[in-house]
Amino acid sequence: MGRVLFSQDEDLLAVAQQRLQTARDFAGVVYAHQLAISIGQAVRDLELVAKVLDPDDMRNRVEYLPYS
């Protein structure tokens, strides 16, 4: 569907890294480790990602949260 995914699943992070290494396109992943971020902080950071990065900016990219 071409949508950027948010995940706290290390398996999805591994899939994204594999796609990067093999030059296979994907819409993008925003990743946060479960113990490193609260739900409120994740929502704030995801809102920032949505405001600053458009779908083309996120293509074939992994963003790591938290930002602050």
N, C-alpha and C. Protein backbone atom coordinates (compact mmCIF):
# COMPACT_ATOMS: atom_id res chain seq x y z
N MET A 1 0.81 -1.19 0.00
CA MET A 1 0.00 0.00 0.00
C MET A 1 0.86 1.26 0.00
N GLY A 2 2.16 1.11 0.12
CA GLY A 2 3.04 2.27 0.04
C GLY A 2 3.03 3.17 1.25
N ARG A 3 2.72 2.63 2.42
CA ARG A 3 2.65 3.45 3.63
C ARG A 3 3.84 3.21 4.53
N VAL A 4 4.30 4.27 5.16
CA VAL A 4 5.38 4.18 6.14
C VAL A 4 4.83 3.46 7.37
N LEU A 5 5.63 2.55 7.91
CA LEU A 5 5.20 1.78 9.08
C LEU A 5 5.93 2.24 10.33
N PHE A 6 5.19 2.28 11.44
CA PHE A 6 5.80 2.46 12.76
C PHE A 6 5.80 1.10 13.42
N SER A 7 6.94 0.74 14.02
CA SER A 7 7.02 -0.55 14.67
C SER A 7 7.96 -0.51 15.86
N GLN A 8 7.69 -1.40 16.80
CA GLN A 8 8.59 -1.65 17.90
C GLN A 8 9.08 -3.10 17.83
N ASP A 9 8.91 -3.70 16.68
CA ASP A 9 9.27 -5.09 16.43
C ASP A 9 10.64 -5.17 15.76
N GLU A 10 11.59 -5.79 16.43
CA GLU A 10 12.95 -5.88 15.89
C GLU A 10 12.99 -6.71 14.61
N ASP A 11 12.04 -7.64 14.43
CA ASP A 11 12.01 -8.43 13.20
C ASP A 11 11.71 -7.55 11.99
N LEU A 12 10.78 -6.61 12.14
CA LEU A 12 10.48 -5.70 11.03
C LEU A 12 11.69 -4.79 10.75
N LEU A 13 12.37 -4.38 11.79
CA LEU A 13 13.59 -3.59 11.62
C LEU A 13 14.62 -4.38 10.82
N ALA A 14 14.76 -5.65 11.10
CA ALA A 14 15.69 -6.51 10.37
C ALA A 14 15.29 -6.63 8.90
N VAL A 15 13.99 -6.75 8.64
CA VAL A 15 13.50 -6.82 7.26
C VAL A 15 13.84 -5.52 6.52
N ALA A 16 13.63 -4.39 7.17
CA ALA A 16 13.94 -3.10 6.55
C ALA A 16 15.44 -3.00 6.25
N GLN A 17 16.28 -3.43 7.19
CA GLN A 17 17.73 -3.39 6.97
C GLN A 17 18.13 -4.30 5.80
N GLN A 18 17.49 -5.45 5.71
CA GLN A 18 17.77 -6.37 4.61
C GLN A 18 17.38 -5.74 3.26
N ARG A 19 16.24 -5.07 3.23
CA ARG A 19 15.81 -4.39 2.00
C ARG A 19 16.79 -3.28 1.62
N LEU A 20 17.29 -2.56 2.61
CA LEU A 20 18.29 -1.52 2.32
C LEU A 20 19.54 -2.13 1.71
N GLN A 21 19.99 -3.24 2.26
CA GLN A 21 21.22 -3.88 1.79
C GLN A 21 21.07 -4.47 0.39
N THR A 22 19.87 -4.90 0.05
CA THR A 22 19.65 -5.52 -1.26
C THR A 22 19.01 -4.57 -2.27
N ALA A 23 18.89 -3.30 -1.89
CA ALA A 23 18.34 -2.26 -2.77
C ALA A 23 16.92 -2.58 -3.23
N ARG A 24 16.11 -3.16 -2.33
CA ARG A 24 14.70 -3.41 -2.62
C ARG A 24 13.89 -2.28 -2.00
N ASP A 25 13.06 -1.64 -2.81
CA ASP A 25 12.28 -0.49 -2.36
C ASP A 25 11.28 -0.85 -1.27
N PHE A 26 11.09 0.09 -0.35
CA PHE A 26 10.03 0.01 0.64
C PHE A 26 9.65 1.42 1.05
N ALA A 27 8.48 1.56 1.62
CA ALA A 27 7.93 2.89 1.90
C ALA A 27 8.64 3.60 3.05
N GLY A 28 9.23 2.85 3.95
CA GLY A 28 9.93 3.43 5.08
C GLY A 28 9.44 2.86 6.39
N VAL A 29 10.29 2.92 7.41
CA VAL A 29 9.97 2.41 8.73
C VAL A 29 10.41 3.42 9.77
N VAL A 30 9.55 3.64 10.74
CA VAL A 30 9.90 4.41 11.93
C VAL A 30 9.94 3.39 13.05
N TYR A 31 11.09 3.27 13.71
CA TYR A 31 11.29 2.23 14.72
C TYR A 31 11.60 2.85 16.08
N ALA A 32 11.04 2.25 17.12
CA ALA A 32 11.36 2.63 18.49
C ALA A 32 11.40 1.37 19.34
N HIS A 33 12.47 1.21 20.10
CA HIS A 33 12.55 0.07 21.01
C HIS A 33 11.49 0.24 22.10
N GLN A 34 10.86 -0.86 22.48
CA GLN A 34 9.74 -0.81 23.43
C GLN A 34 10.11 -0.19 24.76
N LEU A 35 11.32 -0.40 25.22
CA LEU A 35 11.71 0.11 26.54
C LEU A 35 12.33 1.49 26.50
N ALA A 36 12.51 2.03 25.30
CA ALA A 36 13.22 3.31 25.16
C ALA A 36 12.29 4.51 25.02
N ILE A 37 10.98 4.28 24.93
CA ILE A 37 10.08 5.39 24.63
C ILE A 37 8.71 5.13 25.25
N SER A 38 8.11 6.18 25.77
CA SER A 38 6.74 6.07 26.27
C SER A 38 5.76 6.23 25.10
N ILE A 39 4.52 5.85 25.33
CA ILE A 39 3.51 6.01 24.28
C ILE A 39 3.34 7.48 23.92
N GLY A 40 3.30 8.35 24.92
CA GLY A 40 3.15 9.78 24.66
C GLY A 40 4.29 10.34 23.83
N GLN A 41 5.53 9.95 24.17
CA GLN A 41 6.68 10.42 23.40
C GLN A 41 6.64 9.88 21.97
N ALA A 42 6.22 8.63 21.81
CA ALA A 42 6.11 8.05 20.47
C ALA A 42 5.11 8.83 19.63
N VAL A 43 3.97 9.17 20.22
CA VAL A 43 2.96 9.94 19.49
C VAL A 43 3.51 11.31 19.09
N ARG A 44 4.20 11.99 20.02
CA ARG A 44 4.78 13.31 19.70
C ARG A 44 5.82 13.21 18.60
N ASP A 45 6.69 12.20 18.68
CA ASP A 45 7.73 12.04 17.66
C ASP A 45 7.15 11.65 16.31
N LEU A 46 6.13 10.79 16.32
CA LEU A 46 5.48 10.41 15.06
C LEU A 46 4.78 11.60 14.41
N GLU A 47 4.19 12.45 15.23
CA GLU A 47 3.58 13.67 14.71
C GLU A 47 4.64 14.55 14.03
N LEU A 48 5.80 14.66 14.65
CA LEU A 48 6.90 15.43 14.06
C LEU A 48 7.35 14.82 12.73
N VAL A 49 7.49 13.51 12.70
CA VAL A 49 7.86 12.83 11.45
C VAL A 49 6.84 13.14 10.36
N ALA A 50 5.57 13.06 10.70
CA ALA A 50 4.50 13.30 9.72
C ALA A 50 4.51 14.74 9.21
N LYS A 51 4.89 15.68 10.06
CA LYS A 51 4.91 17.09 9.65
C LYS A 51 6.15 17.45 8.84
N VAL A 52 7.27 16.81 9.12
CA VAL A 52 8.55 17.22 8.53
C VAL A 52 8.92 16.39 7.29
N LEU A 53 8.61 15.12 7.30
CA LEU A 53 9.03 14.23 6.21
C LEU A 53 7.81 13.80 5.39
N ASP A 54 7.88 13.99 4.10
CA ASP A 54 6.80 13.50 3.25
C ASP A 54 7.12 12.07 2.82
N PRO A 55 6.18 11.37 2.20
CA PRO A 55 6.41 9.97 1.83
C PRO A 55 7.66 9.76 0.97
N ASP A 56 7.97 10.68 0.08
CA ASP A 56 9.18 10.53 -0.73
C ASP A 56 10.44 10.61 0.11
N ASP A 57 10.43 11.44 1.16
CA ASP A 57 11.57 11.54 2.07
C ASP A 57 11.78 10.24 2.84
N MET A 58 10.72 9.54 3.14
CA MET A 58 10.79 8.32 3.93
C MET A 58 11.09 7.07 3.11
N ARG A 59 10.96 7.17 1.80
CA ARG A 59 11.19 5.99 0.95
C ARG A 59 12.58 5.44 1.20
N ASN A 60 12.63 4.13 1.44
CA ASN A 60 13.89 3.40 1.66
C ASN A 60 14.69 3.98 2.83
N ARG A 61 13.99 4.34 3.89
CA ARG A 61 14.63 4.98 5.03
C ARG A 61 14.11 4.37 6.33
N VAL A 62 14.98 4.31 7.33
CA VAL A 62 14.59 3.90 8.67
C VAL A 62 14.89 5.08 9.60
N GLU A 63 13.86 5.52 10.32
CA GLU A 63 14.01 6.57 11.33
C GLU A 63 13.90 5.92 12.69
N TYR A 64 14.76 6.32 13.60
CA TYR A 64 14.77 5.76 14.95
C TYR A 64 14.24 6.77 15.95
N LEU A 65 13.33 6.32 16.81
CA LEU A 65 12.80 7.14 17.88
C LEU A 65 13.33 6.59 19.19
N PRO A 66 13.43 7.36 20.25
CA PRO A 66 12.96 8.73 20.40
C PRO A 66 13.95 9.74 19.84
N TYR A 67 13.42 10.90 19.49
CA TYR A 67 14.24 12.00 19.02
C TYR A 67 14.89 12.76 20.17
N SER A 68 14.16 12.92 21.26
CA SER A 68 14.71 13.72 22.37
C SER A 68 15.01 12.86 23.58
